N, C-alpha and C. Protein backbone atom coordinates (compact mmCIF):
# COMPACT_ATOMS: atom_id res chain seq x y z
N MET A 1 -72.15 4.74 31.83
CA MET A 1 -71.81 4.89 30.42
C MET A 1 -71.02 6.20 30.46
N LYS A 2 -69.83 6.17 29.63
CA LYS A 2 -69.13 7.13 29.16
C LYS A 2 -69.18 7.74 27.83
N THR A 3 -69.57 8.99 27.68
CA THR A 3 -70.02 9.39 26.42
C THR A 3 -69.26 10.51 26.34
N THR A 4 -68.21 10.76 26.90
CA THR A 4 -67.40 12.17 26.95
C THR A 4 -66.97 12.42 25.90
N ILE A 5 -66.54 11.47 24.98
CA ILE A 5 -65.75 12.12 23.71
C ILE A 5 -66.59 13.01 22.71
N ILE A 6 -67.66 12.25 22.40
CA ILE A 6 -68.81 13.43 21.64
C ILE A 6 -68.89 14.55 22.20
N VAL A 7 -69.18 14.51 23.46
CA VAL A 7 -69.67 15.79 24.30
C VAL A 7 -68.53 16.60 24.33
N GLY A 8 -67.10 16.19 24.51
CA GLY A 8 -66.12 17.06 24.26
C GLY A 8 -65.69 17.63 22.84
N ALA A 9 -66.25 16.85 22.18
CA ALA A 9 -65.55 17.26 20.78
C ALA A 9 -66.58 18.52 20.17
N LEU A 10 -67.97 18.42 20.49
CA LEU A 10 -68.65 19.21 20.06
C LEU A 10 -69.07 20.49 21.19
N PHE A 11 -68.56 20.37 22.10
CA PHE A 11 -69.08 21.28 23.29
C PHE A 11 -67.84 21.66 24.27
N ALA A 12 -66.89 22.34 23.92
CA ALA A 12 -65.49 22.34 24.78
C ALA A 12 -65.65 23.26 25.83
N LEU A 13 -66.05 22.43 26.93
CA LEU A 13 -66.58 23.48 28.13
C LEU A 13 -65.25 23.12 29.17
N ALA A 14 -64.69 22.17 29.12
CA ALA A 14 -63.71 21.70 30.15
C ALA A 14 -62.36 22.42 30.20
N GLY A 15 -61.90 22.84 31.31
CA GLY A 15 -60.48 23.58 31.40
C GLY A 15 -59.58 22.58 31.56
N CYS A 16 -57.98 23.21 31.53
CA CYS A 16 -57.20 22.29 31.68
C CYS A 16 -56.67 22.48 33.27
N GLY A 17 -55.58 21.95 33.38
CA GLY A 17 -55.01 22.08 35.20
C GLY A 17 -54.47 23.16 35.31
N SER A 18 -53.56 23.65 33.94
CA SER A 18 -52.81 24.80 34.35
C SER A 18 -53.59 26.24 33.99
N ALA A 19 -54.82 26.17 33.77
CA ALA A 19 -55.57 27.24 33.33
C ALA A 19 -56.20 27.95 34.64
N PRO A 20 -56.87 28.99 34.50
CA PRO A 20 -57.67 29.57 35.81
C PRO A 20 -58.77 28.76 36.11
N PRO A 21 -59.22 28.77 37.19
CA PRO A 21 -60.52 28.01 37.70
C PRO A 21 -61.53 28.05 36.73
N VAL A 22 -62.06 27.06 36.35
CA VAL A 22 -63.41 26.81 35.24
C VAL A 22 -64.37 27.42 36.28
N PRO A 23 -65.22 28.18 35.40
CA PRO A 23 -66.41 28.85 35.85
C PRO A 23 -67.41 27.90 36.35
N ASP A 24 -68.30 28.11 37.23
CA ASP A 24 -69.35 27.02 37.65
C ASP A 24 -70.28 26.66 36.49
N TRP A 25 -70.46 27.73 35.70
CA TRP A 25 -71.67 27.46 34.63
C TRP A 25 -71.01 26.29 33.59
N LYS A 26 -69.61 26.31 33.47
CA LYS A 26 -69.11 25.37 32.56
C LYS A 26 -69.29 24.09 33.05
N MET A 27 -68.79 23.89 34.49
CA MET A 27 -68.77 22.45 35.21
C MET A 27 -70.37 21.99 35.18
N ASN A 28 -71.06 23.02 35.55
CA ASN A 28 -72.67 22.31 35.71
C ASN A 28 -73.35 22.10 34.40
N ALA A 29 -73.04 22.93 33.28
CA ALA A 29 -73.56 22.30 31.99
C ALA A 29 -72.84 21.37 31.50
N GLN A 30 -71.45 21.12 31.55
CA GLN A 30 -70.97 19.94 31.28
C GLN A 30 -71.50 18.63 31.85
N SER A 31 -71.60 18.70 33.06
CA SER A 31 -72.40 17.38 34.01
C SER A 31 -73.66 17.29 33.60
N SER A 32 -74.56 18.16 33.61
CA SER A 32 -76.04 18.22 33.18
C SER A 32 -76.02 17.70 31.57
N LEU A 33 -74.98 17.77 30.76
CA LEU A 33 -74.99 17.37 29.55
C LEU A 33 -74.79 15.73 29.38
N GLN A 34 -73.70 15.61 30.18
CA GLN A 34 -73.40 14.30 30.21
C GLN A 34 -74.34 13.51 30.69
N ARG A 35 -75.25 13.69 31.81
CA ARG A 35 -76.30 12.96 32.35
C ARG A 35 -77.33 12.83 31.21
N ALA A 36 -77.76 13.98 30.59
CA ALA A 36 -78.93 14.11 29.77
C ALA A 36 -78.50 13.15 28.58
N THR A 37 -77.11 12.97 28.10
CA THR A 37 -76.58 12.11 26.97
C THR A 37 -76.97 10.55 27.66
N ASP A 38 -76.27 10.43 28.79
CA ASP A 38 -76.37 9.07 29.26
C ASP A 38 -77.82 8.28 29.50
N ALA A 39 -78.83 9.47 29.95
CA ALA A 39 -80.31 9.12 29.96
C ALA A 39 -81.09 8.66 28.91
N TYR A 40 -80.53 9.34 27.92
CA TYR A 40 -81.42 9.43 26.65
C TYR A 40 -80.79 8.10 25.83
N LEU A 41 -79.75 7.63 25.87
CA LEU A 41 -78.99 6.44 25.41
C LEU A 41 -79.73 5.17 26.27
N GLU A 42 -79.95 5.30 27.42
CA GLU A 42 -80.61 4.39 28.19
C GLU A 42 -82.06 4.36 28.16
N GLY A 43 -82.79 5.31 27.40
CA GLY A 43 -84.18 5.21 27.52
C GLY A 43 -84.89 5.98 28.50
N LYS A 44 -84.10 7.04 29.22
CA LYS A 44 -84.93 7.55 30.62
C LYS A 44 -85.38 9.01 30.30
N ASP A 45 -86.29 9.19 29.35
CA ASP A 45 -86.70 10.26 28.77
C ASP A 45 -86.85 11.70 29.77
N ALA A 46 -87.56 11.17 30.74
CA ALA A 46 -87.89 12.39 32.04
C ALA A 46 -86.53 12.85 32.21
N ILE A 47 -85.37 12.08 32.66
CA ILE A 47 -84.08 12.78 33.10
C ILE A 47 -83.56 13.41 31.93
N GLU A 48 -83.66 12.75 30.88
CA GLU A 48 -82.61 13.45 29.79
C GLU A 48 -83.46 15.08 29.48
N LYS A 49 -84.86 15.09 29.47
CA LYS A 49 -85.45 16.51 29.17
C LYS A 49 -84.96 17.63 30.26
N ASN A 50 -84.97 16.87 31.46
CA ASN A 50 -84.63 17.79 32.78
C ASN A 50 -83.21 18.21 32.87
N GLU A 51 -82.23 17.22 32.47
CA GLU A 51 -80.98 17.55 32.60
C GLU A 51 -80.47 18.42 31.32
N PHE A 52 -81.15 18.21 30.24
CA PHE A 52 -80.72 19.08 29.02
C PHE A 52 -81.22 20.26 29.20
N ALA A 53 -82.39 20.65 29.67
CA ALA A 53 -82.98 21.89 30.22
C ALA A 53 -81.81 22.73 31.05
N ARG A 54 -81.44 21.89 31.88
CA ARG A 54 -80.52 22.47 33.11
C ARG A 54 -79.27 23.12 32.18
N ALA A 55 -78.84 21.98 31.39
CA ALA A 55 -77.69 22.46 30.59
C ALA A 55 -77.79 23.62 29.68
N ARG A 56 -79.01 23.80 29.05
CA ARG A 56 -79.14 24.75 28.03
C ARG A 56 -79.47 26.23 28.86
N SER A 57 -79.83 26.01 30.08
CA SER A 57 -79.99 27.20 30.91
C SER A 57 -78.70 27.87 31.22
N GLU A 58 -78.10 26.78 31.64
CA GLU A 58 -76.44 27.27 32.06
C GLU A 58 -75.78 28.08 30.89
N ILE A 59 -75.93 27.36 29.66
CA ILE A 59 -75.19 27.74 28.77
C ILE A 59 -75.86 29.39 28.45
N GLY A 60 -77.20 29.20 28.23
CA GLY A 60 -77.93 30.26 27.64
C GLY A 60 -77.58 31.65 28.80
N ALA A 61 -77.51 31.55 29.75
CA ALA A 61 -76.91 32.43 30.69
C ALA A 61 -75.68 33.46 30.17
N THR A 62 -75.08 32.66 29.62
CA THR A 62 -73.78 33.29 29.03
C THR A 62 -73.95 34.09 27.73
N GLY A 63 -75.10 33.80 26.86
CA GLY A 63 -75.58 34.56 25.77
C GLY A 63 -74.36 33.96 24.60
N LYS A 64 -73.88 32.74 24.70
CA LYS A 64 -72.84 32.20 23.79
C LYS A 64 -73.69 31.30 22.98
N VAL A 65 -74.03 32.04 21.95
CA VAL A 65 -75.16 31.29 20.64
C VAL A 65 -74.33 30.08 20.23
N ASP A 66 -73.06 30.24 20.05
CA ASP A 66 -72.33 29.02 19.37
C ASP A 66 -72.31 27.86 20.28
N LEU A 67 -72.05 28.10 21.73
CA LEU A 67 -72.20 26.91 22.28
C LEU A 67 -73.63 26.35 22.84
N VAL A 68 -74.80 27.16 22.80
CA VAL A 68 -76.09 26.63 22.72
C VAL A 68 -76.37 25.62 21.38
N ILE A 69 -75.63 26.26 20.14
CA ILE A 69 -75.77 25.45 18.98
C ILE A 69 -75.31 24.08 19.28
N ARG A 70 -74.08 24.08 19.75
CA ARG A 70 -73.17 22.77 19.87
C ARG A 70 -74.16 21.85 20.84
N ALA A 71 -74.46 22.51 21.78
CA ALA A 71 -75.48 21.69 22.62
C ALA A 71 -76.55 20.91 21.88
N GLU A 72 -77.19 21.74 21.14
CA GLU A 72 -78.43 21.28 20.31
C GLU A 72 -77.96 20.33 19.30
N LEU A 73 -76.84 20.33 18.85
CA LEU A 73 -76.35 19.47 17.90
C LEU A 73 -75.96 18.01 18.78
N ILE A 74 -75.34 18.00 19.89
CA ILE A 74 -75.17 16.88 20.57
C ILE A 74 -76.71 16.31 20.65
N ARG A 75 -77.62 17.04 21.03
CA ARG A 75 -78.97 16.26 21.36
C ARG A 75 -79.47 15.71 19.89
N CYS A 76 -79.10 16.46 18.89
CA CYS A 76 -79.69 15.74 17.53
C CYS A 76 -78.79 14.30 17.20
N ALA A 77 -77.42 14.50 17.65
CA ALA A 77 -76.63 13.39 17.12
C ALA A 77 -77.19 12.47 18.19
N LEU A 78 -77.63 12.40 19.37
CA LEU A 78 -78.03 11.36 20.14
C LEU A 78 -79.22 10.46 19.50
N ARG A 79 -80.23 11.35 18.75
CA ARG A 79 -81.35 10.86 18.21
C ARG A 79 -80.74 10.21 16.95
N THR A 80 -79.76 10.59 16.30
CA THR A 80 -79.54 9.73 15.08
C THR A 80 -78.78 8.30 15.53
N ALA A 81 -78.15 8.29 16.64
CA ALA A 81 -77.76 7.16 17.11
C ALA A 81 -78.83 6.45 17.57
N ALA A 82 -79.70 6.62 17.86
CA ALA A 82 -80.81 5.92 18.27
C ALA A 82 -82.00 5.85 17.08
N LEU A 83 -81.58 6.19 15.80
CA LEU A 83 -82.55 6.36 14.80
C LEU A 83 -83.79 6.74 15.09
N THR A 84 -83.93 7.93 15.73
CA THR A 84 -84.91 8.67 15.87
C THR A 84 -85.13 9.62 14.80
N PHE A 85 -86.31 9.69 13.93
CA PHE A 85 -86.41 10.33 12.82
C PHE A 85 -87.42 11.61 13.27
N GLU A 86 -86.87 12.62 13.33
CA GLU A 86 -87.42 14.00 14.04
C GLU A 86 -86.87 15.14 13.70
N PRO A 87 -87.25 16.21 13.37
CA PRO A 87 -86.42 17.48 12.83
C PRO A 87 -85.66 17.58 14.13
N CYS A 88 -84.58 18.39 13.79
CA CYS A 88 -83.57 18.92 14.86
C CYS A 88 -84.05 20.31 15.22
N ALA A 89 -85.03 20.28 15.85
CA ALA A 89 -86.06 21.63 15.90
C ALA A 89 -84.84 22.64 16.96
N GLY A 90 -84.53 22.24 17.78
CA GLY A 90 -83.41 23.31 18.61
C GLY A 90 -82.69 23.85 17.82
N PHE A 91 -81.76 22.97 16.76
CA PHE A 91 -80.66 23.61 15.96
C PHE A 91 -81.52 24.59 14.96
N GLU A 92 -82.52 24.04 14.29
CA GLU A 92 -83.06 24.94 13.34
C GLU A 92 -83.60 26.31 13.88
N ALA A 93 -83.71 26.48 14.99
CA ALA A 93 -84.41 27.52 15.65
C ALA A 93 -83.14 28.61 15.79
N LEU A 94 -81.90 28.40 15.55
CA LEU A 94 -80.61 28.88 15.62
C LEU A 94 -79.95 28.67 14.36
N ARG A 95 -80.37 28.28 13.36
CA ARG A 95 -79.75 28.13 12.10
C ARG A 95 -79.15 29.58 11.60
N THR A 96 -79.78 30.62 11.84
CA THR A 96 -79.34 31.71 11.35
C THR A 96 -77.95 32.39 11.75
N ASP A 97 -77.71 31.67 13.04
CA ASP A 97 -76.29 32.25 13.41
C ASP A 97 -75.37 31.06 13.56
N ALA A 98 -75.58 29.99 12.71
CA ALA A 98 -74.70 28.72 12.83
C ALA A 98 -73.46 28.76 11.93
N THR A 99 -72.78 28.28 11.98
CA THR A 99 -71.52 28.36 11.15
C THR A 99 -71.66 27.26 10.11
N ALA A 100 -70.84 27.40 9.02
CA ALA A 100 -71.02 26.37 7.93
C ALA A 100 -70.50 24.87 8.39
N ALA A 101 -69.97 24.78 9.33
CA ALA A 101 -69.54 23.45 10.11
C ALA A 101 -70.63 23.04 10.77
N ASP A 102 -71.24 23.95 11.55
CA ASP A 102 -72.66 23.48 12.38
C ASP A 102 -73.63 22.97 11.27
N ILE A 103 -73.98 23.76 10.17
CA ILE A 103 -74.76 23.29 9.21
C ILE A 103 -74.54 21.80 8.64
N ALA A 104 -73.37 21.93 8.05
CA ALA A 104 -72.88 20.43 7.36
C ALA A 104 -73.09 19.29 8.33
N TYR A 105 -72.77 19.72 10.00
CA TYR A 105 -72.77 18.35 10.69
C TYR A 105 -74.48 18.31 10.91
N ALA A 106 -75.33 18.81 10.99
CA ALA A 106 -76.72 19.11 11.14
C ALA A 106 -77.15 18.34 9.96
N ALA A 107 -76.83 18.55 8.65
CA ALA A 107 -77.11 18.00 7.30
C ALA A 107 -76.52 16.48 7.60
N TYR A 108 -75.49 16.14 7.98
CA TYR A 108 -74.94 14.83 8.25
C TYR A 108 -75.67 13.86 8.84
N LEU A 109 -76.06 14.46 10.00
CA LEU A 109 -77.06 13.78 11.10
C LEU A 109 -78.26 13.39 10.63
N ALA A 110 -78.86 14.11 9.43
CA ALA A 110 -80.04 13.97 8.84
C ALA A 110 -79.98 13.24 7.50
N GLY A 111 -78.66 12.72 7.29
CA GLY A 111 -78.31 11.69 6.12
C GLY A 111 -78.69 12.58 4.72
N GLN A 112 -78.14 13.85 4.83
CA GLN A 112 -78.39 14.80 3.78
C GLN A 112 -76.75 15.35 3.57
N ALA A 113 -76.08 15.00 3.95
CA ALA A 113 -74.79 15.75 3.82
C ALA A 113 -74.14 15.29 2.16
N ARG A 114 -73.26 16.25 1.78
CA ARG A 114 -72.80 16.12 0.62
C ARG A 114 -71.25 15.75 0.85
N PRO A 115 -70.66 14.85 0.06
CA PRO A 115 -69.10 14.24 0.52
C PRO A 115 -68.12 15.64 0.41
N GLY A 116 -68.51 16.50 -0.12
CA GLY A 116 -67.47 17.68 -0.22
C GLY A 116 -67.56 18.41 1.05
N ASP A 117 -68.45 18.16 2.00
CA ASP A 117 -68.58 18.90 3.43
C ASP A 117 -67.75 17.83 4.46
N ALA A 118 -66.89 17.11 3.85
CA ALA A 118 -66.54 15.98 4.96
C ALA A 118 -65.59 16.68 5.91
N ALA A 119 -64.83 17.67 5.43
CA ALA A 119 -63.59 18.50 5.91
C ALA A 119 -64.31 19.51 7.19
N LEU A 120 -65.60 19.62 6.94
CA LEU A 120 -66.38 20.55 7.99
C LEU A 120 -66.83 19.62 9.22
N LEU A 121 -66.69 18.56 9.05
CA LEU A 121 -67.46 17.55 10.27
C LEU A 121 -66.33 17.23 11.25
N PRO A 122 -66.87 16.86 12.31
CA PRO A 122 -65.91 16.55 13.52
C PRO A 122 -65.21 15.39 12.99
N GLU A 123 -63.91 15.14 13.41
CA GLU A 123 -62.94 14.34 12.98
C GLU A 123 -63.36 12.88 12.64
N PRO A 124 -63.98 12.32 13.75
CA PRO A 124 -64.29 10.78 13.77
C PRO A 124 -65.25 10.84 12.42
N GLN A 125 -66.13 11.48 11.83
CA GLN A 125 -67.18 11.46 10.93
C GLN A 125 -66.47 11.76 9.72
N ARG A 126 -65.47 12.53 9.46
CA ARG A 126 -65.06 12.82 7.99
C ARG A 126 -64.91 11.66 6.85
N ALA A 127 -64.29 10.49 7.52
CA ALA A 127 -63.90 9.48 6.43
C ALA A 127 -65.18 8.60 6.14
N VAL A 128 -66.34 8.67 7.14
CA VAL A 128 -67.38 7.94 6.90
C VAL A 128 -68.41 8.89 5.85
N LEU A 129 -68.12 10.15 5.96
CA LEU A 129 -69.00 10.76 4.74
C LEU A 129 -68.35 10.67 3.31
N ALA A 130 -66.48 10.66 3.29
CA ALA A 130 -66.00 10.84 2.21
C ALA A 130 -65.96 9.57 1.52
N ALA A 131 -66.37 8.74 2.01
CA ALA A 131 -66.31 7.03 1.49
C ALA A 131 -67.02 6.83 0.44
N GLY A 132 -66.14 6.27 -0.56
CA GLY A 132 -66.94 6.10 -2.05
C GLY A 132 -67.85 5.19 -2.21
N SER A 133 -68.12 4.02 -1.22
CA SER A 133 -69.13 3.05 -1.32
C SER A 133 -69.62 3.01 0.13
N ASP A 134 -70.70 2.25 -0.03
CA ASP A 134 -71.43 1.82 1.32
C ASP A 134 -70.67 1.15 2.18
N GLN A 135 -69.93 0.28 1.70
CA GLN A 135 -69.02 -0.71 2.08
C GLN A 135 -67.76 -0.17 2.86
N ALA A 136 -67.23 0.81 2.05
CA ALA A 136 -66.17 1.57 2.57
C ALA A 136 -66.56 2.51 3.82
N ALA A 137 -67.88 3.17 3.64
CA ALA A 137 -68.43 3.87 4.56
C ALA A 137 -68.55 3.16 5.93
N ALA A 138 -69.25 1.70 5.80
CA ALA A 138 -69.36 0.90 7.07
C ALA A 138 -68.01 0.58 7.68
N ALA A 139 -66.92 0.39 6.88
CA ALA A 139 -65.87 0.12 7.52
C ALA A 139 -65.14 1.31 8.33
N ALA A 140 -65.32 2.55 7.67
CA ALA A 140 -65.01 3.71 8.38
C ALA A 140 -65.56 3.84 9.69
N ALA A 141 -66.71 3.58 9.53
CA ALA A 141 -67.74 3.66 10.78
C ALA A 141 -67.14 2.86 11.91
N GLN A 142 -66.74 1.55 11.24
CA GLN A 142 -66.21 0.56 12.43
C GLN A 142 -65.10 0.88 13.22
N ALA A 143 -64.09 1.49 12.27
CA ALA A 143 -62.96 2.03 12.53
C ALA A 143 -62.99 3.13 13.63
N ILE A 144 -64.04 4.08 13.92
CA ILE A 144 -64.08 4.87 15.07
C ILE A 144 -63.80 4.47 16.34
N GLY A 145 -63.32 4.78 17.19
CA GLY A 145 -62.87 4.27 18.38
C GLY A 145 -63.98 4.34 19.65
N ASP A 146 -64.58 5.88 19.56
CA ASP A 146 -65.44 5.98 20.57
C ASP A 146 -66.81 5.51 20.18
N PRO A 147 -67.51 4.61 21.07
CA PRO A 147 -68.63 4.05 20.74
C PRO A 147 -69.81 4.98 20.34
N LEU A 148 -70.02 5.84 20.97
CA LEU A 148 -71.15 7.14 20.77
C LEU A 148 -70.86 7.67 19.23
N SER A 149 -69.47 8.10 19.00
CA SER A 149 -69.44 8.64 17.65
C SER A 149 -69.40 7.51 16.67
N ARG A 150 -69.14 6.15 16.96
CA ARG A 150 -69.27 5.40 16.03
C ARG A 150 -70.82 5.05 15.82
N LEU A 151 -71.74 5.05 16.59
CA LEU A 151 -72.93 4.85 16.61
C LEU A 151 -74.02 6.05 15.73
N VAL A 152 -73.18 7.22 16.17
CA VAL A 152 -73.65 8.39 15.45
C VAL A 152 -73.42 8.20 13.95
N ALA A 153 -72.16 7.80 13.45
CA ALA A 153 -71.96 7.52 12.08
C ALA A 153 -72.70 6.46 11.50
N ALA A 154 -72.96 5.50 12.23
CA ALA A 154 -74.03 4.38 11.68
C ALA A 154 -75.40 4.97 11.44
N GLY A 155 -75.81 5.52 12.53
CA GLY A 155 -77.15 6.44 12.21
C GLY A 155 -77.24 7.37 11.13
N ALA A 156 -76.22 8.08 10.67
CA ALA A 156 -75.82 8.79 9.76
C ALA A 156 -76.18 8.30 8.36
N LEU A 157 -75.58 7.15 8.44
CA LEU A 157 -75.62 6.24 7.20
C LEU A 157 -76.74 5.52 6.85
N PHE A 158 -77.70 5.08 8.18
CA PHE A 158 -78.73 4.61 7.83
C PHE A 158 -79.85 5.59 7.21
N LYS A 159 -79.88 6.84 7.81
CA LYS A 159 -80.54 8.00 7.32
C LYS A 159 -80.35 8.33 5.87
N ALA A 160 -79.11 7.83 5.38
CA ALA A 160 -78.70 8.26 3.85
C ALA A 160 -78.90 7.20 3.23
N ASN A 161 -79.50 5.97 3.70
CA ASN A 161 -79.89 4.83 2.82
C ASN A 161 -78.64 4.14 2.50
N ARG A 162 -77.78 4.25 3.55
CA ARG A 162 -76.37 3.48 3.19
C ARG A 162 -76.13 2.57 3.93
N ALA A 163 -77.24 1.80 4.52
CA ALA A 163 -76.75 0.74 5.99
C ALA A 163 -76.79 -0.52 5.19
N THR A 164 -75.33 -1.06 5.46
CA THR A 164 -75.16 -2.33 4.81
C THR A 164 -75.48 -3.50 6.22
N PRO A 165 -75.66 -4.86 5.68
CA PRO A 165 -76.26 -5.79 7.01
C PRO A 165 -74.74 -5.47 7.82
N GLU A 166 -73.56 -5.42 7.41
CA GLU A 166 -72.31 -5.48 8.28
C GLU A 166 -72.63 -4.28 9.44
N LEU A 167 -72.83 -3.04 8.62
CA LEU A 167 -73.33 -1.68 9.48
C LEU A 167 -74.21 -2.18 10.74
N LEU A 168 -75.17 -2.73 10.18
CA LEU A 168 -76.46 -2.88 11.32
C LEU A 168 -75.86 -3.85 12.44
N ALA A 169 -75.09 -4.73 12.16
CA ALA A 169 -74.73 -5.62 13.06
C ALA A 169 -73.61 -5.05 14.14
N MET A 170 -72.90 -4.16 13.36
CA MET A 170 -71.92 -3.37 14.14
C MET A 170 -72.48 -2.49 14.90
N ALA A 171 -73.68 -1.75 14.64
CA ALA A 171 -74.20 -0.89 15.44
C ALA A 171 -74.92 -1.39 16.66
N VAL A 172 -75.74 -2.76 16.28
CA VAL A 172 -76.18 -3.63 17.31
C VAL A 172 -75.02 -4.03 18.34
N GLU A 173 -74.15 -4.33 18.03
CA GLU A 173 -73.00 -4.82 18.88
C GLU A 173 -72.49 -3.66 19.94
N THR A 174 -72.29 -2.52 19.03
CA THR A 174 -71.83 -1.28 20.07
C THR A 174 -72.77 -0.92 21.10
N ALA A 175 -74.05 -0.91 20.70
CA ALA A 175 -75.05 -0.43 21.63
C ALA A 175 -75.24 -1.68 22.72
N SER A 176 -75.08 -2.97 22.45
CA SER A 176 -75.21 -3.74 23.43
C SER A 176 -74.25 -3.75 24.26
N ASN A 177 -72.87 -3.46 23.61
CA ASN A 177 -71.83 -3.53 24.66
C ASN A 177 -71.78 -2.42 25.57
N GLN A 178 -72.57 -1.43 25.38
CA GLN A 178 -72.44 -0.19 26.30
C GLN A 178 -73.84 -0.13 27.04
N GLY A 179 -74.67 -1.04 26.80
CA GLY A 179 -75.87 -0.93 27.62
C GLY A 179 -77.01 -0.14 27.34
N TRP A 180 -76.91 0.36 25.96
CA TRP A 180 -77.66 1.76 25.55
C TRP A 180 -78.96 1.07 25.10
N ARG A 181 -79.89 0.90 25.93
CA ARG A 181 -81.10 0.22 25.67
C ARG A 181 -81.96 0.94 24.45
N ARG A 182 -81.98 2.18 24.43
CA ARG A 182 -82.87 2.83 23.38
C ARG A 182 -82.48 2.50 22.18
N SER A 183 -80.85 2.94 21.94
CA SER A 183 -80.48 2.48 20.62
C SER A 183 -80.43 1.12 20.35
N LEU A 184 -80.25 0.28 21.21
CA LEU A 184 -80.01 -1.33 21.05
C LEU A 184 -81.43 -1.66 20.33
N LEU A 185 -82.42 -1.39 21.04
CA LEU A 185 -83.82 -1.63 20.50
C LEU A 185 -84.32 -1.14 19.14
N ALA A 186 -83.73 0.02 18.86
CA ALA A 186 -83.88 0.69 17.57
C ALA A 186 -83.18 -0.17 16.48
N TRP A 187 -81.77 -0.44 16.65
CA TRP A 187 -81.24 -1.39 15.52
C TRP A 187 -81.77 -2.78 15.61
N LEU A 188 -81.84 -3.35 16.78
CA LEU A 188 -82.56 -4.68 16.62
C LEU A 188 -83.98 -4.72 15.61
N ASN A 189 -84.63 -3.39 16.01
CA ASN A 189 -85.91 -3.61 15.00
C ASN A 189 -85.59 -3.42 13.76
N VAL A 190 -84.68 -2.86 13.24
CA VAL A 190 -84.41 -2.41 11.94
C VAL A 190 -83.57 -4.11 11.41
N GLN A 191 -82.90 -4.82 12.04
CA GLN A 191 -82.42 -6.26 11.79
C GLN A 191 -83.75 -7.18 11.61
N ALA A 192 -84.49 -6.87 12.57
CA ALA A 192 -85.89 -7.93 12.52
C ALA A 192 -86.53 -7.50 11.13
N LEU A 193 -86.78 -6.15 11.08
CA LEU A 193 -87.62 -5.86 9.82
C LEU A 193 -86.85 -6.41 8.43
N ARG A 194 -85.68 -6.15 8.28
CA ARG A 194 -85.19 -6.54 7.15
C ARG A 194 -84.77 -8.27 6.93
N ALA A 195 -85.01 -9.04 8.05
CA ALA A 195 -85.15 -10.39 8.17
C ALA A 195 -86.58 -10.75 7.81
N GLU A 196 -87.55 -10.04 8.05
CA GLU A 196 -88.69 -10.35 7.73
C GLU A 196 -88.86 -9.97 6.03
N GLN A 197 -88.55 -8.97 5.75
CA GLN A 197 -88.61 -8.42 4.40
C GLN A 197 -87.98 -9.50 3.42
N ALA A 198 -86.75 -10.35 3.88
CA ALA A 198 -86.31 -11.06 3.09
C ALA A 198 -86.88 -12.48 3.35
N GLY A 199 -87.55 -12.53 3.98
CA GLY A 199 -88.35 -14.10 4.36
C GLY A 199 -87.56 -14.69 5.16
N ALA A 200 -86.80 -14.31 6.11
CA ALA A 200 -86.05 -15.13 6.99
C ALA A 200 -86.70 -15.10 8.15
N ALA A 201 -87.95 -15.87 8.24
CA ALA A 201 -88.81 -15.88 9.58
C ALA A 201 -88.25 -16.36 10.81
N ASP A 202 -87.10 -17.31 10.55
CA ASP A 202 -86.71 -17.74 12.05
C ASP A 202 -85.65 -16.80 12.72
N GLU A 203 -84.86 -16.12 11.67
CA GLU A 203 -83.97 -15.02 11.96
C GLU A 203 -84.63 -13.72 12.51
N ALA A 204 -85.81 -13.30 12.00
CA ALA A 204 -86.57 -12.19 12.57
C ALA A 204 -87.07 -12.63 13.80
N ALA A 205 -87.56 -13.92 14.13
CA ALA A 205 -88.38 -14.35 15.46
C ALA A 205 -87.21 -14.26 16.32
N ARG A 206 -85.90 -14.68 16.09
CA ARG A 206 -84.81 -14.84 17.10
C ARG A 206 -84.36 -13.31 17.72
N VAL A 207 -84.52 -12.16 16.60
CA VAL A 207 -84.10 -10.93 17.01
C VAL A 207 -85.16 -10.45 17.74
N ARG A 208 -86.55 -10.73 17.39
CA ARG A 208 -87.42 -10.00 18.31
C ARG A 208 -87.67 -10.70 19.62
N ARG A 209 -87.22 -11.92 19.76
CA ARG A 209 -86.75 -12.43 21.11
C ARG A 209 -85.95 -11.45 22.02
N ARG A 210 -84.70 -11.16 21.41
CA ARG A 210 -83.81 -10.39 22.15
C ARG A 210 -84.46 -9.13 22.32
N MET A 211 -85.04 -8.76 21.30
CA MET A 211 -85.73 -7.32 21.68
C MET A 211 -86.61 -7.29 22.95
N ALA A 212 -87.36 -8.35 23.13
CA ALA A 212 -88.18 -8.54 24.37
C ALA A 212 -87.32 -8.54 25.56
N LEU A 213 -86.43 -9.09 25.42
CA LEU A 213 -85.18 -9.35 26.70
C LEU A 213 -84.82 -7.74 26.95
N VAL A 214 -84.41 -6.97 25.89
CA VAL A 214 -84.01 -5.62 26.16
C VAL A 214 -85.08 -4.98 26.71
N SER A 215 -86.17 -5.06 26.24
CA SER A 215 -87.46 -3.95 26.54
C SER A 215 -87.34 -3.52 28.02
N ARG A 216 -87.49 -2.65 28.54
CA ARG A 216 -87.63 -2.33 29.85
C ARG A 216 -88.93 -2.81 30.37
N PRO A 217 -88.85 -3.41 31.50
CA PRO A 217 -89.81 -3.97 32.22
C PRO A 217 -90.86 -2.94 32.99
N LYS A 218 -92.05 -3.09 32.91
CA LYS A 218 -92.88 -2.05 33.62
C LYS A 218 -92.73 -1.75 34.71
N GLY A 219 -92.66 -0.24 35.12
CA GLY A 219 -92.31 0.27 36.36
C GLY A 219 -90.94 0.45 36.52
N ASP A 220 -89.94 0.21 35.58
CA ASP A 220 -88.43 0.41 35.60
C ASP A 220 -88.31 1.76 35.15
């Protein structure tokens, strides 16, 4: 799975061809962070934990707090994309040294951002936060080209209680097309719960059959 756009947007480690050779720590951290990202979306917790620890260690060796904060925000963004409701503990431990943009993005991932902070967000997310209605926000999320950034936007809207049926369908399709098992199961579960609440038993059953198909077999 290619998730390099969101990693690159928040964690600018890559060098360009005409620049001096890229230090080993940058290449190692970028590779580990990419593997951690893919593993989390695919539901491989042990791999994600180990790879993120390696990336964090490589970055930490430089003493660059801003890059450590960005790495932690990437980790938080992945959890938003998978509808995982838990504190962004890694970022909170570093909040004192965070920039206004870092703080705004953390709030956005938690569904607590203010529309006036849109300009502080990564470019793909700005129109989503600035949208004046839930329908417009869903359309802005749909327009994001990168699948992971799109799914992060959907998760942020869900946490802000702004998720329309169209947004849910888009999130399910995005996760399905990428084969991101963890995110797909989370979004399908929301669809099933909403169908049950609406009394649409047949639809809820259909979605739960799909969830059973997606669920990782024992021993996988």
